[in-house]
């Protein structure tokens, strides 16, 4: 188990370092494009639960404009997503800044996506196991249907990843993630109410990023 954990961490460090080096020009261009089209800030920041549920600050490229008067922030994600933001989400380029979190050990290249803190008290004991490993930039859910899945199906896949983890599984998920932008059209999000089959979403929070 210790050797496997070290191997996963080694893959994270080497993979994140290589990807940051390769994509550094792309990161600079995206940051400039956001500033030119939407102004600052370039990054979206939010506290999310990490390993064992410990909070950390996630950051990725901002893909939405600020709410206008009368717009509820929690229910207007789709209409507030910018044209550039839709492209970044479709290609998953909005996640590139998270590579720095992989280097610092807050995240892994592969693992359950970190959701919002408000979900923590609503997980079943089974689904809460998703926090037994570091959250990932991509994961089994992201290559197995993503937003077409119900919340229950997504969390089941997170636990399945944990129970069946291997270094080879991580490599396969990373490879499939690289192919995803070429396989799907624009991501059409569903409202939390449409996919919440387990009563996960608190009444005051109707969103999943």
N, C-alpha and C. Protein backbone atom coordinates (compact mmCIF):
# COMPACT_ATOMS: atom_id res chain seq x y z
N UNK A 1 0.83 -1.21 0.00
CA UNK A 1 0.00 0.00 0.00
C UNK A 1 0.86 1.26 0.00
N UNK A 2 1.93 1.25 0.83
CA UNK A 2 2.82 2.41 0.88
C UNK A 2 3.51 2.61 -0.46
N UNK A 3 3.97 1.50 -1.04
CA UNK A 3 4.65 1.59 -2.34
C UNK A 3 3.69 2.10 -3.41
N UNK A 4 2.44 1.64 -3.38
CA UNK A 4 1.45 2.08 -4.35
C UNK A 4 1.17 3.57 -4.19
N UNK A 5 1.07 4.02 -2.94
CA UNK A 5 0.83 5.44 -2.67
C UNK A 5 1.98 6.29 -3.17
N UNK A 6 3.19 5.81 -2.98
CA UNK A 6 4.36 6.55 -3.46
C UNK A 6 4.40 6.58 -4.98
N UNK A 7 4.01 5.49 -5.60
CA UNK A 7 3.99 5.44 -7.07
C UNK A 7 2.96 6.43 -7.62
N UNK A 8 1.80 6.50 -6.98
CA UNK A 8 0.77 7.45 -7.42
C UNK A 8 1.25 8.88 -7.25
N UNK A 9 1.90 9.14 -6.12
CA UNK A 9 2.42 10.49 -5.88
C UNK A 9 3.51 10.84 -6.88
N UNK A 10 4.34 9.88 -7.21
CA UNK A 10 5.40 10.12 -8.20
C UNK A 10 4.79 10.45 -9.57
N UNK A 11 3.74 9.71 -9.94
CA UNK A 11 3.06 9.99 -11.21
C UNK A 11 2.48 11.40 -11.19
N UNK A 12 1.91 11.78 -10.04
CA UNK A 12 1.34 13.13 -9.92
C UNK A 12 2.40 14.20 -10.12
N UNK A 13 3.52 14.06 -9.43
CA UNK A 13 4.56 15.09 -9.49
C UNK A 13 5.15 15.20 -10.89
N UNK A 14 5.52 14.06 -11.44
CA UNK A 14 6.12 14.07 -12.78
C UNK A 14 5.11 14.55 -13.82
N UNK A 15 3.89 14.01 -13.75
CA UNK A 15 2.87 14.38 -14.72
C UNK A 15 2.51 15.85 -14.64
N UNK A 16 2.31 16.38 -13.43
CA UNK A 16 1.94 17.79 -13.28
C UNK A 16 3.06 18.71 -13.74
N UNK A 17 4.31 18.35 -13.42
CA UNK A 17 5.44 19.18 -13.83
C UNK A 17 5.57 19.23 -15.35
N UNK A 18 5.43 18.06 -15.98
CA UNK A 18 5.53 18.00 -17.44
C UNK A 18 4.39 18.77 -18.09
N UNK A 19 3.18 18.60 -17.59
CA UNK A 19 2.02 19.28 -18.18
C UNK A 19 2.12 20.79 -17.99
N UNK A 20 2.59 21.24 -16.83
CA UNK A 20 2.76 22.68 -16.63
C UNK A 20 3.78 23.25 -17.59
N UNK A 21 4.87 22.52 -17.83
CA UNK A 21 5.89 22.98 -18.76
C UNK A 21 5.34 23.04 -20.19
N UNK A 22 4.61 22.01 -20.57
CA UNK A 22 4.06 21.95 -21.93
C UNK A 22 2.98 23.01 -22.16
N UNK A 23 2.15 23.22 -21.15
CA UNK A 23 0.99 24.09 -21.33
C UNK A 23 1.21 25.51 -20.82
N UNK A 24 2.41 25.85 -20.38
CA UNK A 24 2.64 27.20 -19.87
C UNK A 24 2.30 28.30 -20.89
N UNK A 25 2.62 28.13 -22.19
CA UNK A 25 2.18 29.15 -23.14
C UNK A 25 0.66 29.23 -23.26
N UNK A 26 -0.01 28.08 -23.21
CA UNK A 26 -1.46 28.05 -23.29
C UNK A 26 -2.07 28.73 -22.07
N UNK A 27 -1.51 28.47 -20.89
CA UNK A 27 -2.00 29.08 -19.65
C UNK A 27 -1.89 30.60 -19.75
N UNK A 28 -0.77 31.09 -20.27
CA UNK A 28 -0.57 32.53 -20.41
C UNK A 28 -1.58 33.14 -21.38
N UNK A 29 -1.83 32.45 -22.49
CA UNK A 29 -2.78 32.96 -23.49
C UNK A 29 -4.20 32.98 -22.92
N UNK A 30 -4.58 31.92 -22.21
CA UNK A 30 -5.93 31.87 -21.62
C UNK A 30 -6.11 32.98 -20.60
N UNK A 31 -5.10 33.19 -19.75
CA UNK A 31 -5.19 34.25 -18.75
C UNK A 31 -5.37 35.61 -19.42
N UNK A 32 -4.63 35.85 -20.47
CA UNK A 32 -4.74 37.11 -21.20
C UNK A 32 -6.12 37.25 -21.85
N UNK A 33 -6.62 36.14 -22.43
CA UNK A 33 -7.93 36.17 -23.08
C UNK A 33 -9.04 36.47 -22.08
N UNK A 34 -8.96 35.92 -20.88
CA UNK A 34 -9.97 36.19 -19.86
C UNK A 34 -9.93 37.67 -19.47
N UNK A 35 -8.73 38.20 -19.28
CA UNK A 35 -8.59 39.61 -18.92
C UNK A 35 -9.16 40.52 -20.01
N UNK A 36 -8.94 40.15 -21.26
CA UNK A 36 -9.40 41.00 -22.37
C UNK A 36 -10.91 40.91 -22.59
N UNK A 37 -11.50 39.74 -22.33
CA UNK A 37 -12.92 39.56 -22.62
C UNK A 37 -13.82 39.77 -21.41
N UNK A 38 -13.30 39.51 -20.21
CA UNK A 38 -14.14 39.60 -19.01
C UNK A 38 -13.55 40.45 -17.90
N UNK A 39 -12.29 40.86 -18.05
CA UNK A 39 -11.63 41.54 -16.96
C UNK A 39 -11.22 40.56 -15.88
N UNK A 40 -10.71 41.08 -14.78
CA UNK A 40 -10.29 40.21 -13.69
C UNK A 40 -11.44 39.83 -12.80
N UNK A 41 -11.25 38.86 -11.92
CA UNK A 41 -10.02 38.08 -11.77
C UNK A 41 -9.93 36.97 -12.81
N UNK A 42 -8.73 36.48 -13.04
CA UNK A 42 -8.51 35.41 -14.00
C UNK A 42 -8.96 34.07 -13.43
N UNK A 43 -8.75 33.89 -12.14
CA UNK A 43 -9.02 32.61 -11.51
C UNK A 43 -10.31 32.62 -10.69
N UNK A 44 -11.01 31.51 -10.71
CA UNK A 44 -12.13 31.24 -9.82
C UNK A 44 -11.58 30.49 -8.62
N UNK A 45 -11.89 30.94 -7.42
CA UNK A 45 -11.39 30.31 -6.20
C UNK A 45 -12.57 29.92 -5.31
N UNK A 46 -12.47 28.75 -4.72
CA UNK A 46 -13.53 28.29 -3.82
C UNK A 46 -12.97 27.21 -2.89
N UNK A 47 -13.39 27.24 -1.65
CA UNK A 47 -12.96 26.22 -0.69
C UNK A 47 -13.72 24.92 -0.97
N UNK A 48 -12.96 23.83 -1.09
CA UNK A 48 -13.54 22.52 -1.36
C UNK A 48 -12.95 21.50 -0.36
N UNK A 49 -13.62 20.38 -0.15
CA UNK A 49 -13.06 19.34 0.72
C UNK A 49 -12.02 18.50 -0.01
N UNK A 50 -10.89 18.27 0.66
CA UNK A 50 -9.83 17.47 0.08
C UNK A 50 -9.72 16.11 0.76
N UNK A 51 -8.51 15.63 0.90
CA UNK A 51 -8.25 14.33 1.54
C UNK A 51 -8.82 14.35 2.96
N UNK A 52 -9.61 13.32 3.28
CA UNK A 52 -10.28 13.19 4.58
C UNK A 52 -11.23 14.36 4.87
N UNK A 53 -11.66 15.05 3.82
CA UNK A 53 -12.60 16.15 3.98
C UNK A 53 -11.98 17.45 4.42
N UNK A 54 -10.66 17.50 4.54
CA UNK A 54 -9.99 18.72 4.97
C UNK A 54 -10.13 19.79 3.88
N UNK A 55 -10.53 21.01 4.25
CA UNK A 55 -10.75 22.05 3.24
C UNK A 55 -9.46 22.57 2.63
N UNK A 56 -9.53 22.90 1.37
CA UNK A 56 -8.43 23.57 0.68
C UNK A 56 -9.05 24.51 -0.34
N UNK A 57 -8.29 25.44 -0.85
CA UNK A 57 -8.80 26.40 -1.83
C UNK A 57 -8.49 25.92 -3.24
N UNK A 58 -9.53 25.55 -3.95
CA UNK A 58 -9.40 25.15 -5.35
C UNK A 58 -9.35 26.40 -6.21
N UNK A 59 -8.55 26.38 -7.24
CA UNK A 59 -8.55 27.48 -8.20
C UNK A 59 -8.46 26.94 -9.61
N UNK A 60 -9.22 27.54 -10.48
CA UNK A 60 -9.19 27.21 -11.90
C UNK A 60 -9.56 28.45 -12.68
N UNK A 61 -9.45 28.41 -14.00
CA UNK A 61 -9.76 29.59 -14.79
C UNK A 61 -11.24 29.96 -14.65
N UNK A 62 -11.50 31.24 -14.53
CA UNK A 62 -12.88 31.71 -14.40
C UNK A 62 -13.60 31.56 -15.74
N UNK A 63 -14.79 30.98 -15.70
CA UNK A 63 -15.54 30.72 -16.93
C UNK A 63 -16.88 31.46 -16.97
N UNK A 64 -17.21 32.18 -15.88
CA UNK A 64 -18.49 32.88 -15.83
C UNK A 64 -18.30 34.35 -15.49
N UNK A 65 -19.22 35.17 -15.96
CA UNK A 65 -19.24 36.56 -15.54
C UNK A 65 -19.93 36.67 -14.18
N UNK A 66 -19.76 37.82 -13.54
CA UNK A 66 -20.42 38.05 -12.26
C UNK A 66 -21.94 38.18 -12.45
N UNK A 67 -22.72 37.83 -11.43
CA UNK A 67 -24.18 37.97 -11.54
C UNK A 67 -24.58 39.43 -11.73
N UNK A 68 -25.58 39.64 -12.57
CA UNK A 68 -26.16 40.96 -12.74
C UNK A 68 -27.27 41.16 -11.72
N UNK A 69 -27.70 42.40 -11.48
CA UNK A 69 -28.78 42.63 -10.52
C UNK A 69 -29.99 41.75 -10.81
N UNK A 70 -30.45 41.03 -9.81
CA UNK A 70 -31.60 40.16 -9.96
C UNK A 70 -31.26 38.73 -10.32
N UNK A 71 -30.00 38.45 -10.64
CA UNK A 71 -29.59 37.09 -10.98
C UNK A 71 -29.11 36.36 -9.73
N UNK A 72 -29.70 35.20 -9.47
CA UNK A 72 -29.30 34.37 -8.34
C UNK A 72 -28.03 33.61 -8.71
N UNK A 73 -26.93 33.82 -7.97
CA UNK A 73 -25.66 33.18 -8.34
C UNK A 73 -25.74 31.67 -8.44
N UNK A 74 -26.58 31.03 -7.60
CA UNK A 74 -26.58 29.57 -7.55
C UNK A 74 -27.37 28.91 -8.68
N UNK A 75 -28.20 29.67 -9.38
CA UNK A 75 -29.08 29.05 -10.37
C UNK A 75 -28.90 29.60 -11.78
N UNK A 76 -27.88 30.43 -12.00
CA UNK A 76 -27.73 31.05 -13.32
C UNK A 76 -26.39 30.72 -13.96
N UNK A 77 -25.81 29.59 -13.58
CA UNK A 77 -24.50 29.22 -14.13
C UNK A 77 -24.49 29.22 -15.65
N UNK A 78 -25.49 28.59 -16.25
CA UNK A 78 -25.47 28.41 -17.71
C UNK A 78 -25.53 29.74 -18.44
N UNK A 79 -26.39 30.65 -18.00
CA UNK A 79 -26.53 31.91 -18.74
C UNK A 79 -25.37 32.86 -18.45
N UNK A 80 -24.65 32.62 -17.35
CA UNK A 80 -23.52 33.49 -17.02
C UNK A 80 -22.20 32.96 -17.57
N UNK A 81 -22.20 31.76 -18.12
CA UNK A 81 -20.97 31.21 -18.70
C UNK A 81 -20.64 31.95 -19.99
N UNK A 82 -19.43 32.45 -20.09
CA UNK A 82 -19.03 33.22 -21.26
C UNK A 82 -18.73 32.30 -22.45
N UNK A 83 -18.63 32.89 -23.63
CA UNK A 83 -18.28 32.09 -24.81
C UNK A 83 -16.92 31.43 -24.63
N UNK A 84 -15.95 32.20 -24.14
CA UNK A 84 -14.64 31.63 -23.85
C UNK A 84 -14.76 30.57 -22.76
N UNK A 85 -15.59 30.82 -21.76
CA UNK A 85 -15.77 29.87 -20.68
C UNK A 85 -16.32 28.54 -21.16
N UNK A 86 -17.27 28.59 -22.11
CA UNK A 86 -17.82 27.34 -22.66
C UNK A 86 -16.74 26.54 -23.37
N UNK A 87 -15.88 27.24 -24.09
CA UNK A 87 -14.77 26.55 -24.76
C UNK A 87 -13.82 25.93 -23.74
N UNK A 88 -13.50 26.68 -22.71
CA UNK A 88 -12.58 26.17 -21.69
C UNK A 88 -13.17 24.95 -20.98
N UNK A 89 -14.47 24.99 -20.69
CA UNK A 89 -15.10 23.84 -20.03
C UNK A 89 -15.16 22.63 -20.96
N UNK A 90 -15.49 22.89 -22.23
CA UNK A 90 -15.62 21.78 -23.19
C UNK A 90 -14.29 21.06 -23.37
N UNK A 91 -13.20 21.81 -23.34
CA UNK A 91 -11.87 21.23 -23.54
C UNK A 91 -11.17 20.90 -22.22
N UNK A 92 -11.82 21.24 -21.10
CA UNK A 92 -11.25 21.06 -19.75
C UNK A 92 -10.00 21.90 -19.52
N UNK A 93 -9.76 22.90 -20.36
CA UNK A 93 -8.60 23.77 -20.16
C UNK A 93 -8.77 24.66 -18.94
N UNK A 94 -10.00 24.82 -18.47
CA UNK A 94 -10.21 25.63 -17.26
C UNK A 94 -9.57 24.99 -16.03
N UNK A 95 -9.26 23.68 -16.11
CA UNK A 95 -8.69 22.97 -14.98
C UNK A 95 -7.16 23.10 -14.89
N UNK A 96 -6.51 23.68 -15.90
CA UNK A 96 -5.05 23.71 -15.93
C UNK A 96 -4.40 24.31 -14.67
N UNK A 97 -4.94 25.39 -14.10
CA UNK A 97 -4.30 25.93 -12.88
C UNK A 97 -4.25 24.94 -11.72
N UNK A 98 -5.10 23.92 -11.74
CA UNK A 98 -5.10 22.96 -10.65
C UNK A 98 -3.84 22.10 -10.63
N UNK A 99 -3.07 22.13 -11.71
CA UNK A 99 -1.82 21.37 -11.73
C UNK A 99 -0.88 21.83 -10.62
N UNK A 100 -0.95 23.11 -10.25
CA UNK A 100 -0.11 23.58 -9.15
C UNK A 100 -0.53 22.95 -7.83
N UNK A 101 -1.83 22.66 -7.68
CA UNK A 101 -2.32 22.00 -6.48
C UNK A 101 -1.89 20.55 -6.42
N UNK A 102 -1.69 19.94 -7.58
CA UNK A 102 -1.16 18.58 -7.63
C UNK A 102 0.29 18.58 -7.13
N UNK A 103 1.07 19.56 -7.56
CA UNK A 103 2.46 19.63 -7.13
C UNK A 103 2.58 19.84 -5.62
N UNK A 104 1.65 20.60 -5.04
CA UNK A 104 1.72 20.86 -3.60
C UNK A 104 1.07 19.76 -2.77
N UNK A 105 0.46 18.77 -3.42
CA UNK A 105 -0.10 17.64 -2.71
C UNK A 105 -1.53 17.81 -2.25
N UNK A 106 -2.18 18.90 -2.63
CA UNK A 106 -3.58 19.10 -2.25
C UNK A 106 -4.52 18.29 -3.14
N UNK A 107 -4.08 18.03 -4.37
CA UNK A 107 -4.88 17.27 -5.33
C UNK A 107 -4.00 16.22 -5.99
N UNK A 108 -4.66 15.34 -6.75
CA UNK A 108 -3.99 14.33 -7.56
C UNK A 108 -4.40 14.55 -9.01
N UNK A 109 -3.65 14.00 -9.93
CA UNK A 109 -4.08 14.07 -11.33
C UNK A 109 -5.41 13.34 -11.50
N UNK A 110 -5.56 12.20 -10.82
CA UNK A 110 -6.76 11.37 -10.95
C UNK A 110 -7.34 11.10 -9.57
N UNK A 111 -8.64 11.28 -9.46
CA UNK A 111 -9.33 11.02 -8.21
C UNK A 111 -10.73 11.61 -8.28
N UNK A 112 -11.54 11.44 -7.26
CA UNK A 112 -12.88 12.04 -7.26
C UNK A 112 -12.78 13.56 -7.33
N UNK A 113 -13.60 14.18 -8.16
CA UNK A 113 -13.60 15.63 -8.25
C UNK A 113 -14.04 16.23 -6.92
N UNK A 114 -13.37 17.31 -6.47
CA UNK A 114 -13.78 17.94 -5.21
C UNK A 114 -15.07 18.74 -5.41
N UNK A 115 -16.10 18.39 -4.68
CA UNK A 115 -17.38 19.09 -4.78
C UNK A 115 -17.40 20.19 -3.72
N UNK A 116 -18.58 20.72 -3.41
CA UNK A 116 -18.63 21.85 -2.50
C UNK A 116 -18.74 21.39 -1.04
N UNK A 117 -18.32 22.25 -0.12
CA UNK A 117 -18.31 21.91 1.30
C UNK A 117 -19.71 21.59 1.82
N UNK A 118 -20.73 22.24 1.25
CA UNK A 118 -22.09 22.05 1.74
C UNK A 118 -22.60 20.62 1.58
N UNK A 119 -21.94 19.83 0.73
CA UNK A 119 -22.38 18.45 0.53
C UNK A 119 -21.92 17.50 1.64
N UNK A 120 -20.87 17.88 2.37
CA UNK A 120 -20.24 16.96 3.31
C UNK A 120 -21.22 16.29 4.28
N UNK A 121 -22.10 17.04 4.95
CA UNK A 121 -22.99 16.37 5.91
C UNK A 121 -24.09 15.56 5.25
N UNK A 122 -24.20 15.61 3.93
CA UNK A 122 -25.28 14.92 3.23
C UNK A 122 -24.85 13.61 2.59
N UNK A 123 -23.55 13.31 2.62
CA UNK A 123 -23.11 12.04 2.05
C UNK A 123 -23.52 10.88 2.95
N UNK A 124 -23.86 9.75 2.33
CA UNK A 124 -24.01 8.51 3.09
C UNK A 124 -22.62 8.05 3.52
N UNK A 125 -22.54 7.13 4.47
CA UNK A 125 -21.24 6.61 4.90
C UNK A 125 -20.49 6.00 3.72
N UNK A 126 -21.24 5.35 2.82
CA UNK A 126 -20.63 4.74 1.64
C UNK A 126 -20.03 5.80 0.74
N UNK A 127 -20.80 6.81 0.42
CA UNK A 127 -20.32 7.84 -0.51
C UNK A 127 -19.27 8.74 0.11
N UNK A 128 -19.27 8.87 1.44
CA UNK A 128 -18.26 9.69 2.11
C UNK A 128 -16.86 9.11 1.95
N UNK A 129 -16.78 7.84 1.55
CA UNK A 129 -15.48 7.21 1.35
C UNK A 129 -14.70 7.85 0.20
N UNK A 130 -15.38 8.62 -0.65
CA UNK A 130 -14.70 9.28 -1.77
C UNK A 130 -13.59 10.20 -1.27
N UNK A 131 -13.65 10.58 0.01
CA UNK A 131 -12.63 11.48 0.57
C UNK A 131 -11.46 10.72 1.18
N UNK A 132 -11.41 9.41 0.97
CA UNK A 132 -10.28 8.63 1.49
C UNK A 132 -9.04 8.77 0.61
N UNK A 133 -9.18 9.43 -0.53
CA UNK A 133 -8.03 9.70 -1.39
C UNK A 133 -8.06 11.17 -1.78
N UNK A 134 -6.96 11.67 -2.29
CA UNK A 134 -6.90 13.06 -2.73
C UNK A 134 -7.88 13.29 -3.88
N UNK A 135 -8.53 14.44 -3.92
CA UNK A 135 -9.39 14.75 -5.06
C UNK A 135 -8.55 14.91 -6.32
N UNK A 136 -9.18 14.68 -7.47
CA UNK A 136 -8.43 14.70 -8.72
C UNK A 136 -8.89 15.78 -9.69
N UNK A 137 -8.01 16.11 -10.61
CA UNK A 137 -8.38 17.01 -11.71
C UNK A 137 -9.34 16.29 -12.64
N UNK A 138 -9.12 15.01 -12.84
CA UNK A 138 -10.05 14.18 -13.59
C UNK A 138 -10.28 12.91 -12.80
N UNK A 139 -11.27 12.14 -13.23
CA UNK A 139 -11.57 10.92 -12.49
C UNK A 139 -12.40 9.96 -13.31
N UNK A 140 -12.77 8.87 -12.69
CA UNK A 140 -13.55 7.85 -13.39
C UNK A 140 -14.90 8.39 -13.85
N UNK A 141 -15.50 9.24 -13.03
CA UNK A 141 -16.79 9.85 -13.41
C UNK A 141 -16.66 10.69 -14.67
N UNK A 142 -15.56 11.45 -14.76
CA UNK A 142 -15.39 12.37 -15.89
C UNK A 142 -15.22 11.65 -17.23
N UNK A 143 -14.82 10.38 -17.20
CA UNK A 143 -14.67 9.64 -18.45
C UNK A 143 -15.74 8.56 -18.60
N UNK A 144 -16.77 8.64 -17.74
CA UNK A 144 -17.83 7.61 -17.77
C UNK A 144 -19.22 8.19 -17.91
N UNK A 145 -19.30 9.39 -18.46
CA UNK A 145 -20.62 9.97 -18.66
C UNK A 145 -20.77 11.38 -18.15
N UNK A 146 -19.94 11.73 -17.20
CA UNK A 146 -19.89 13.09 -16.68
C UNK A 146 -21.27 13.61 -16.31
N UNK A 147 -21.72 14.68 -16.92
CA UNK A 147 -22.96 15.33 -16.49
C UNK A 147 -24.23 14.58 -16.88
N UNK A 148 -24.13 13.53 -17.66
CA UNK A 148 -25.32 12.75 -17.99
C UNK A 148 -25.68 11.79 -16.87
N UNK A 149 -24.80 11.65 -15.88
CA UNK A 149 -25.04 10.73 -14.78
C UNK A 149 -25.78 11.41 -13.64
N UNK A 150 -26.52 10.62 -12.87
CA UNK A 150 -27.14 11.15 -11.67
C UNK A 150 -26.07 11.31 -10.59
N UNK A 151 -26.42 12.05 -9.54
CA UNK A 151 -25.45 12.22 -8.45
C UNK A 151 -25.07 10.88 -7.85
N UNK A 152 -26.06 10.01 -7.66
CA UNK A 152 -25.78 8.70 -7.09
C UNK A 152 -24.81 7.90 -7.93
N UNK A 153 -24.98 7.94 -9.25
CA UNK A 153 -24.08 7.23 -10.15
C UNK A 153 -22.67 7.81 -10.10
N UNK A 154 -22.57 9.13 -10.01
CA UNK A 154 -21.26 9.76 -9.94
C UNK A 154 -20.51 9.35 -8.67
N UNK A 155 -21.21 9.41 -7.55
CA UNK A 155 -20.55 9.07 -6.28
C UNK A 155 -20.21 7.58 -6.21
N UNK A 156 -21.08 6.73 -6.79
CA UNK A 156 -20.76 5.30 -6.85
C UNK A 156 -19.48 5.05 -7.64
N UNK A 157 -19.30 5.78 -8.72
CA UNK A 157 -18.08 5.64 -9.52
C UNK A 157 -16.86 6.11 -8.74
N UNK A 158 -17.03 7.17 -7.94
CA UNK A 158 -15.91 7.65 -7.12
C UNK A 158 -15.46 6.56 -6.15
N UNK A 159 -16.41 5.90 -5.50
CA UNK A 159 -16.07 4.84 -4.55
C UNK A 159 -15.50 3.63 -5.28
N UNK A 160 -16.05 3.34 -6.47
CA UNK A 160 -15.52 2.24 -7.26
C UNK A 160 -14.06 2.49 -7.65
N UNK A 161 -13.74 3.74 -7.98
CA UNK A 161 -12.35 4.08 -8.30
C UNK A 161 -11.45 3.79 -7.10
N UNK A 162 -11.91 4.18 -5.93
CA UNK A 162 -11.14 3.96 -4.71
C UNK A 162 -10.90 2.47 -4.47
N UNK A 163 -11.94 1.66 -4.65
CA UNK A 163 -11.84 0.22 -4.37
C UNK A 163 -11.03 -0.53 -5.42
N UNK A 164 -10.94 0.01 -6.62
CA UNK A 164 -10.27 -0.70 -7.71
C UNK A 164 -9.02 0.02 -8.22
N UNK A 165 -8.48 0.91 -7.39
CA UNK A 165 -7.37 1.73 -7.85
C UNK A 165 -6.15 0.89 -8.22
N UNK A 166 -5.51 1.32 -9.28
CA UNK A 166 -4.19 0.83 -9.66
C UNK A 166 -3.52 1.93 -10.46
N UNK A 167 -2.22 1.88 -10.56
CA UNK A 167 -1.51 2.87 -11.36
C UNK A 167 -1.94 2.80 -12.81
N UNK A 168 -2.21 1.60 -13.29
CA UNK A 168 -2.67 1.41 -14.66
C UNK A 168 -4.04 2.05 -14.87
N UNK A 169 -4.91 1.97 -13.85
CA UNK A 169 -6.21 2.61 -13.96
C UNK A 169 -6.05 4.12 -14.10
N UNK A 170 -5.14 4.72 -13.33
CA UNK A 170 -4.88 6.15 -13.46
C UNK A 170 -4.41 6.50 -14.87
N UNK A 171 -3.50 5.70 -15.40
CA UNK A 171 -2.99 5.96 -16.75
C UNK A 171 -4.12 5.88 -17.77
N UNK A 172 -4.99 4.89 -17.64
CA UNK A 172 -6.11 4.75 -18.58
C UNK A 172 -7.06 5.94 -18.48
N UNK A 173 -7.34 6.40 -17.27
CA UNK A 173 -8.24 7.54 -17.09
C UNK A 173 -7.62 8.80 -17.68
N UNK A 174 -6.33 8.98 -17.48
CA UNK A 174 -5.65 10.15 -18.06
C UNK A 174 -5.70 10.11 -19.58
N UNK A 175 -5.49 8.93 -20.16
CA UNK A 175 -5.55 8.79 -21.61
C UNK A 175 -6.95 9.09 -22.13
N UNK A 176 -7.97 8.55 -21.46
CA UNK A 176 -9.35 8.79 -21.88
C UNK A 176 -9.74 10.25 -21.71
N UNK A 177 -9.19 10.89 -20.66
CA UNK A 177 -9.46 12.32 -20.45
C UNK A 177 -8.91 13.15 -21.60
N UNK A 178 -7.73 12.79 -22.07
CA UNK A 178 -7.11 13.51 -23.18
C UNK A 178 -7.94 13.40 -24.45
N UNK A 179 -8.68 12.29 -24.59
CA UNK A 179 -9.50 12.08 -25.79
C UNK A 179 -10.90 12.68 -25.68
N UNK A 180 -11.34 12.97 -24.46
CA UNK A 180 -12.72 13.42 -24.24
C UNK A 180 -13.12 14.64 -25.06
N UNK A 181 -12.28 15.70 -25.16
CA UNK A 181 -12.70 16.87 -25.94
C UNK A 181 -12.99 16.56 -27.40
N UNK A 182 -12.42 15.48 -27.92
CA UNK A 182 -12.62 15.13 -29.32
C UNK A 182 -13.83 14.22 -29.51
N UNK A 183 -14.37 13.69 -28.42
CA UNK A 183 -15.47 12.74 -28.50
C UNK A 183 -16.83 13.36 -28.26
N UNK A 184 -16.89 14.44 -27.52
CA UNK A 184 -18.19 15.00 -27.18
C UNK A 184 -18.34 16.38 -27.77
N UNK A 185 -19.58 16.77 -27.95
CA UNK A 185 -19.87 18.11 -28.37
C UNK A 185 -19.89 19.01 -27.14
N UNK A 186 -20.56 20.13 -27.24
CA UNK A 186 -20.62 21.04 -26.10
C UNK A 186 -21.34 20.39 -24.94
N UNK A 187 -20.77 20.57 -23.74
CA UNK A 187 -21.36 19.99 -22.56
C UNK A 187 -22.65 20.71 -22.22
N UNK A 188 -23.72 19.98 -22.15
CA UNK A 188 -25.01 20.57 -21.78
C UNK A 188 -25.29 20.17 -20.35
N UNK A 189 -25.26 21.14 -19.46
CA UNK A 189 -25.45 20.83 -18.06
C UNK A 189 -26.92 20.62 -17.73
N UNK A 190 -27.17 19.78 -16.73
CA UNK A 190 -28.50 19.59 -16.20
C UNK A 190 -28.56 20.27 -14.85
N UNK A 191 -29.74 20.71 -14.45
CA UNK A 191 -29.87 21.32 -13.14
C UNK A 191 -29.69 20.26 -12.07
N UNK A 192 -29.21 20.65 -10.88
CA UNK A 192 -29.07 19.67 -9.81
C UNK A 192 -30.36 18.90 -9.53
N UNK A 193 -31.51 19.58 -9.63
CA UNK A 193 -32.78 18.91 -9.35
C UNK A 193 -33.03 17.76 -10.32
N UNK A 194 -32.51 17.87 -11.53
CA UNK A 194 -32.75 16.84 -12.55
C UNK A 194 -31.89 15.59 -12.32
N UNK A 195 -30.79 15.73 -11.62
CA UNK A 195 -29.89 14.59 -11.45
C UNK A 195 -29.72 14.18 -9.99
N UNK A 196 -30.34 14.92 -9.08
CA UNK A 196 -30.17 14.62 -7.66
C UNK A 196 -31.13 13.52 -7.23
N UNK A 197 -30.66 12.28 -7.34
CA UNK A 197 -31.48 11.11 -7.01
C UNK A 197 -31.26 10.64 -5.57
N UNK A 198 -30.41 11.36 -4.81
CA UNK A 198 -30.09 10.91 -3.45
C UNK A 198 -30.27 12.01 -2.41
N UNK A 199 -30.91 13.12 -2.78
CA UNK A 199 -31.13 14.19 -1.82
C UNK A 199 -29.84 14.85 -1.38
N UNK A 200 -28.91 15.03 -2.30
CA UNK A 200 -27.60 15.56 -1.95
C UNK A 200 -27.60 17.07 -1.82
N UNK A 201 -28.31 17.76 -2.71
CA UNK A 201 -28.19 19.21 -2.80
C UNK A 201 -29.02 19.89 -1.72
N UNK A 202 -28.39 20.72 -0.88
CA UNK A 202 -29.16 21.51 0.09
C UNK A 202 -30.10 22.46 -0.64
N UNK A 203 -31.22 22.81 -0.04
CA UNK A 203 -32.17 23.72 -0.70
C UNK A 203 -31.56 25.06 -1.09
N UNK A 204 -30.54 25.52 -0.32
CA UNK A 204 -29.97 26.83 -0.62
C UNK A 204 -28.85 26.76 -1.65
N UNK A 205 -28.51 25.56 -2.09
CA UNK A 205 -27.38 25.42 -3.02
C UNK A 205 -27.78 24.53 -4.16
N UNK A 206 -28.12 25.10 -5.30
CA UNK A 206 -28.56 24.32 -6.44
C UNK A 206 -27.58 24.49 -7.58
N UNK A 207 -26.39 23.95 -7.38
CA UNK A 207 -25.38 24.04 -8.43
C UNK A 207 -24.32 22.98 -8.24
N UNK A 208 -23.71 22.59 -9.32
CA UNK A 208 -22.51 21.75 -9.29
C UNK A 208 -21.55 22.32 -10.29
N UNK A 209 -20.35 22.62 -9.88
CA UNK A 209 -19.35 23.14 -10.83
C UNK A 209 -18.53 21.99 -11.35
